[in-house]
Protein backbone atom coordinates (compact mmCIF):
# COMPACT_ATOMS: atom_id res chain seq x y z
CA UNK A 1 0.17 0.24 0.28
CA UNK A 2 1.48 3.62 -1.00
CA UNK A 3 1.45 6.85 1.05
CA UNK A 4 2.93 7.81 4.68
CA UNK A 5 2.63 4.47 6.41
CA UNK A 6 4.27 0.95 5.32
CA UNK A 7 3.13 -2.11 6.78
CA UNK A 8 4.38 -5.45 7.29
CA UNK A 9 3.56 -9.19 8.45
CA UNK A 10 6.02 -11.57 9.47
CA UNK A 11 5.85 -14.58 11.87
CA UNK A 12 3.01 -13.14 13.65
CA UNK A 13 4.03 -9.47 14.16
CA UNK A 14 1.86 -6.84 12.15
CA UNK A 15 4.69 -4.04 12.29
CA UNK A 16 3.35 -0.16 11.03
CA UNK A 17 5.71 2.27 9.81
CA UNK A 18 5.22 5.52 9.65
CA UNK A 19 6.92 5.90 6.33
CA UNK A 20 7.10 10.05 5.81
CA UNK A 21 10.83 11.37 7.12
CA UNK A 22 9.98 14.74 4.82
CA UNK A 23 6.84 15.49 7.03
CA UNK A 24 8.78 13.84 9.77
CA UNK A 25 5.66 11.55 10.17
CA UNK A 26 3.05 14.19 11.03
CA UNK A 27 0.18 12.96 11.74
CA UNK A 28 -1.98 14.48 8.33
CA UNK A 29 -5.59 13.43 6.70
CA UNK A 30 -3.65 10.23 4.95
CA UNK A 31 -1.17 9.34 7.43
CA UNK A 32 -4.32 8.95 10.46
CA UNK A 33 -6.36 7.05 7.83
CA UNK A 34 -3.83 4.95 7.23
CA UNK A 35 -2.78 3.78 10.73
CA UNK A 36 -6.53 3.81 11.31
CA UNK A 37 -7.15 1.16 8.42
CA UNK A 38 -3.59 -1.19 9.51
CA UNK A 39 -4.57 -0.93 13.32
CA UNK A 40 -8.53 -2.33 12.19
CA UNK A 41 -7.25 -5.25 10.00
CA UNK A 42 -4.45 -6.64 12.27
CA UNK A 43 -7.12 -6.47 14.56
CA UNK A 44 -8.93 -9.60 12.56
CA UNK A 45 -6.45 -10.89 11.24
CA UNK A 46 -6.23 -14.51 12.91
CA UNK A 47 -2.20 -14.88 12.23
CA UNK A 48 -1.79 -11.48 13.87
CA UNK A 49 -0.11 -11.71 17.45
CA UNK A 50 1.28 -8.80 18.29
CA UNK A 51 1.96 -5.46 16.75
CA UNK A 52 4.45 -3.33 15.94
CA UNK A 53 4.46 1.07 15.41
CA UNK A 54 7.15 1.79 13.94
CA UNK A 55 9.23 5.15 11.65
CA UNK A 56 11.42 5.62 9.62
CA UNK A 57 14.42 8.96 9.80
CA UNK A 58 14.87 11.17 12.87
CA UNK A 59 11.42 11.73 13.99
CA UNK A 60 9.21 9.37 14.86
CA UNK A 61 6.19 11.61 14.97
CA UNK A 62 6.11 15.62 15.09
CA UNK A 63 2.34 15.73 15.55
CA UNK A 64 -0.49 17.54 13.93
CA UNK A 65 0.58 18.63 10.63
CA UNK A 66 0.28 21.93 10.57
CA UNK A 67 1.31 22.37 6.83
CA UNK A 68 -2.22 21.31 6.11
CA UNK A 69 -3.48 18.02 4.81
CA UNK A 70 -4.48 16.83 1.12
CA UNK A 71 -7.03 18.89 -0.36
CA UNK A 72 -10.28 16.40 -1.20
CA UNK A 73 -8.60 13.24 1.48
CA UNK A 74 -11.85 12.96 3.61
CA UNK A 75 -11.07 11.77 7.61
CA UNK A 76 -11.57 8.59 8.45
CA UNK A 77 -9.90 8.21 11.25
CA UNK A 78 -9.09 11.19 14.00
CA UNK A 79 -6.39 11.06 16.06
CA UNK A 80 -8.80 9.85 18.60
CA UNK A 81 -9.86 6.77 16.96
CA UNK A 82 -6.26 6.05 16.35
CA UNK A 83 -5.14 6.14 20.16
CA UNK A 84 -8.76 4.51 21.17
CA UNK A 85 -7.70 1.60 18.21
CA UNK A 86 -4.02 0.75 20.00
CA UNK A 87 -5.51 1.07 23.06
CA UNK A 88 -8.72 -1.31 22.63
CA UNK A 89 -6.57 -3.90 20.06
CA UNK A 90 -7.14 -7.25 21.55
CA UNK A 91 -3.56 -7.76 20.45
CA UNK A 92 -0.16 -6.51 22.40
CA UNK A 93 0.60 -3.18 20.34
CA UNK A 94 4.52 -2.45 21.07
CA UNK A 95 5.63 1.11 20.53
CA UNK A 96 9.31 1.20 18.13
CA UNK A 97 10.39 4.81 19.34
CA UNK A 98 13.43 5.13 16.84
CA UNK A 99 12.68 9.19 16.52
CA UNK A 100 11.47 12.56 18.60
CA UNK A 101 7.75 12.49 19.30
CA UNK A 102 6.14 15.83 19.51
CA UNK A 103 2.46 16.07 20.68
CA UNK A 104 0.69 14.14 19.60
CA UNK A 105 3.71 11.86 18.94
CA UNK A 106 3.91 11.57 22.20
CA UNK A 107 0.24 10.61 22.46
CA UNK A 108 0.77 7.63 19.74
CA UNK A 109 4.35 6.09 22.12
CA UNK A 110 1.96 6.08 25.08
CA UNK A 111 -0.79 4.89 23.79
CA UNK A 112 0.90 2.17 23.26
CA UNK A 113 0.89 -1.46 25.44
CA UNK A 114 4.88 -1.17 25.46
CA UNK A 115 6.92 1.30 24.83
CA UNK A 116 11.06 1.08 23.77
CA UNK A 117 12.63 4.41 22.81
CA UNK A 118 16.09 4.93 21.30
CA UNK A 119 18.61 7.82 23.69
CA UNK A 120 18.68 9.73 20.68
CA UNK A 121 14.90 10.10 20.52
CA UNK A 122 13.72 13.55 22.31
CA UNK A 123 9.73 14.08 23.88
CA UNK A 124 7.49 17.62 24.16
CA UNK A 125 3.83 18.34 24.60
CA UNK A 126 4.96 21.51 22.06
CA UNK A 127 1.15 22.73 22.23
CA UNK A 128 1.46 24.83 24.08
CA UNK A 129 4.41 26.71 22.00
CA UNK A 130 1.53 27.30 18.88
CA UNK A 131 -1.42 28.39 20.87
CA UNK A 132 -3.46 25.34 21.94
CA UNK A 133 -2.93 22.34 24.27
CA UNK A 134 -2.48 18.53 24.83
CA UNK A 135 -6.41 17.89 24.47
CA UNK A 136 -6.90 14.59 23.11
CA UNK A 137 -3.86 13.29 23.63
CA UNK A 138 -4.51 14.05 27.61
CA UNK A 139 -6.25 10.91 27.83
CA UNK A 140 -3.59 8.02 26.66
CA UNK A 141 -1.07 10.21 28.43
CA UNK A 142 -1.98 11.80 32.33
CA UNK A 143 -3.03 7.60 33.25
CA UNK A 144 0.96 7.69 33.23
CA UNK A 145 1.80 10.05 34.10
CA UNK A 146 2.01 12.03 37.91
CA UNK A 147 0.16 15.16 38.11
CA UNK A 148 3.32 17.12 38.97
CA UNK A 149 5.57 15.32 35.80
CA UNK A 150 1.95 16.50 33.94
CA UNK A 151 1.83 20.03 35.04
CA UNK A 152 5.30 20.58 34.49
CA UNK A 153 5.68 19.44 30.53
CA UNK A 154 2.19 20.46 29.42
CA UNK A 155 2.49 23.76 31.08
CA UNK A 156 6.50 24.16 29.33
CA UNK A 157 6.26 22.22 26.26
CA UNK A 158 10.32 21.20 27.93
CA UNK A 159 11.59 18.97 25.27
CA UNK A 160 12.54 15.41 27.20
CA UNK A 161 15.63 12.75 26.85
CA UNK A 162 14.35 9.29 26.38
CA UNK A 163 15.69 8.25 29.19
CA UNK A 164 13.11 11.38 31.26
CA UNK A 165 10.35 9.53 28.80
CA UNK A 166 10.62 6.52 30.83
CA UNK A 167 11.28 8.16 34.12
CA UNK A 168 8.24 9.45 34.36
CA UNK A 169 5.84 6.92 32.36
CA UNK A 170 5.67 7.82 29.03
CA UNK A 171 7.65 5.25 27.41
CA UNK A 172 9.02 1.71 28.83
CA UNK A 173 12.69 2.13 28.63
CA UNK A 174 15.05 4.18 26.95
CA UNK A 175 17.91 1.63 25.17
CA UNK A 176 20.92 2.93 23.16
CA UNK A 177 19.91 2.58 18.74
CA UNK A 178 21.78 0.69 18.13
CA UNK A 179 19.93 -2.10 20.88
CA UNK A 180 16.65 -0.83 20.19
CA UNK A 181 15.88 -3.60 17.44
CA UNK A 182 16.88 -6.42 20.11
CA UNK A 183 14.95 -5.26 23.30
CA UNK A 184 11.32 -4.64 20.71
CA UNK A 185 12.30 -8.78 19.55
CA UNK A 186 12.82 -9.37 23.11
CA UNK A 187 9.54 -8.32 24.24
CA UNK A 188 7.87 -9.82 20.66
CA UNK A 189 9.67 -13.15 21.75
CA UNK A 190 7.95 -13.20 25.13
CA UNK A 191 4.54 -11.86 23.72
CA UNK A 192 4.18 -14.68 21.59
CA UNK A 193 5.05 -17.39 24.64
CA UNK A 194 2.03 -15.58 25.82
CA UNK A 195 -1.50 -17.27 24.58
CA UNK A 196 -3.61 -14.73 23.02
CA UNK A 197 -7.00 -14.84 24.75
CA UNK A 198 -5.16 -14.31 27.54
CA UNK A 199 -3.40 -11.23 26.59
CA UNK A 200 -6.47 -9.73 24.68
CA UNK A 201 -7.82 -10.43 28.79
CA UNK A 202 -5.07 -8.94 30.34
CA UNK A 203 -4.84 -5.81 28.46
CA UNK A 204 -8.62 -5.09 29.81
CA UNK A 205 -7.78 -5.63 33.46
CA UNK A 206 -4.72 -2.89 33.64
CA UNK A 207 -7.58 -0.76 31.73
CA UNK A 208 -10.19 -1.21 33.07
CA UNK A 209 -10.29 -2.07 36.42
CA UNK A 210 -8.93 1.23 37.53
CA UNK A 211 -12.28 3.03 36.08
CA UNK A 212 -14.14 0.66 38.81
CA UNK A 213 -15.47 0.62 42.16
CA UNK A 214 -14.21 -2.40 44.17
CA UNK A 215 -17.25 -4.82 44.68
CA UNK A 216 -18.03 -4.10 40.43
CA UNK A 217 -14.21 -5.10 40.01
CA UNK A 218 -13.90 -7.57 42.22
CA UNK A 219 -17.28 -9.65 40.24
CA UNK A 220 -16.25 -8.36 36.96
CA UNK A 221 -12.73 -10.27 37.50
CA UNK A 222 -14.23 -13.10 39.44
CA UNK A 223 -16.38 -13.75 36.12
CA UNK A 224 -13.52 -12.94 33.88
CA UNK A 225 -11.38 -15.49 35.48
CA UNK A 226 -14.25 -18.14 35.68
CA UNK A 227 -14.61 -17.99 31.45
CA UNK A 228 -10.64 -17.61 31.49
CA UNK A 229 -10.18 -21.10 33.58
CA UNK A 230 -12.66 -22.97 31.84
CA UNK A 231 -11.56 -21.34 27.93
CA UNK A 232 -9.88 -24.28 25.94
CA UNK A 233 -6.65 -21.87 25.63
CA UNK A 234 -6.29 -22.82 29.01
CA UNK A 235 -7.10 -26.04 29.36
CA UNK A 236 -4.25 -25.93 26.26
CA UNK A 237 -1.90 -24.15 28.02
CA UNK A 238 -2.49 -26.04 31.50
CA UNK A 239 -1.81 -29.86 29.41
CA UNK A 240 0.93 -28.35 28.29
CA UNK A 241 2.22 -27.55 31.37
CA UNK A 242 1.79 -30.96 32.81
CA UNK A 243 3.33 -32.74 29.51
CA UNK A 244 5.95 -30.43 29.79
CA UNK A 245 5.65 -29.15 26.23
CA UNK A 246 5.78 -26.03 23.98
CA UNK A 247 1.57 -25.06 23.74
CA UNK A 248 -0.05 -24.38 20.80
CA UNK A 249 0.30 -21.09 20.01
CA UNK A 250 3.96 -20.73 21.06
CA UNK A 251 6.38 -19.67 18.12
CA UNK A 252 7.07 -22.79 15.92
CA UNK A 253 4.25 -25.05 17.41
CA UNK A 254 0.93 -23.92 15.29
């Protein structure tokens, strides 16, 4: 598919690459539409076990496309839709943050379930410097930030290094650029050893339980746990454990 992204599938991993380096991978209409389409396709692809969000060029994503998008192209996926698609995706979404993240780009990195950033990357909520605020991306960024850090970063627009982005919780880890692919591969290998249905359930726990009342949470999680223990996936997992063999979903077992 031509356009501002590339989508490649290999060994159960769908890699969606932001590939518009001349525009610093800005969130143009074409970029948002392509990201939304690829995420939707991966969500229903039975061969897809995990999604990697990556980039080409020195910028992971420069945020909003301030130069204006292509005339006449309808917006099918808003930024809110793309962020929601990442958070609610049934497969783990891993961010390979190989460049700078500004504005909405920080939102993409924070929305990923696990984000690994190059130590060369810089992060900033630049919205206030152009007269706006990081409104939409705050929905995915604020749950990962202390209030003090959020206020400092939102109000100053300060550019921070990847290591500080990891310290405040916007990404999981910062690694040297030459080790970024190795770090992503390590996370993917762990994810691929886990059961697909269990991974989807685990994501729901992280995102849904904190917003529930305690009694509601106990009721909901008890029902979820019972359904998981009764599932064919759990039966296979426990049989594999007893028989000291890899489960059917493990790499090379399908």
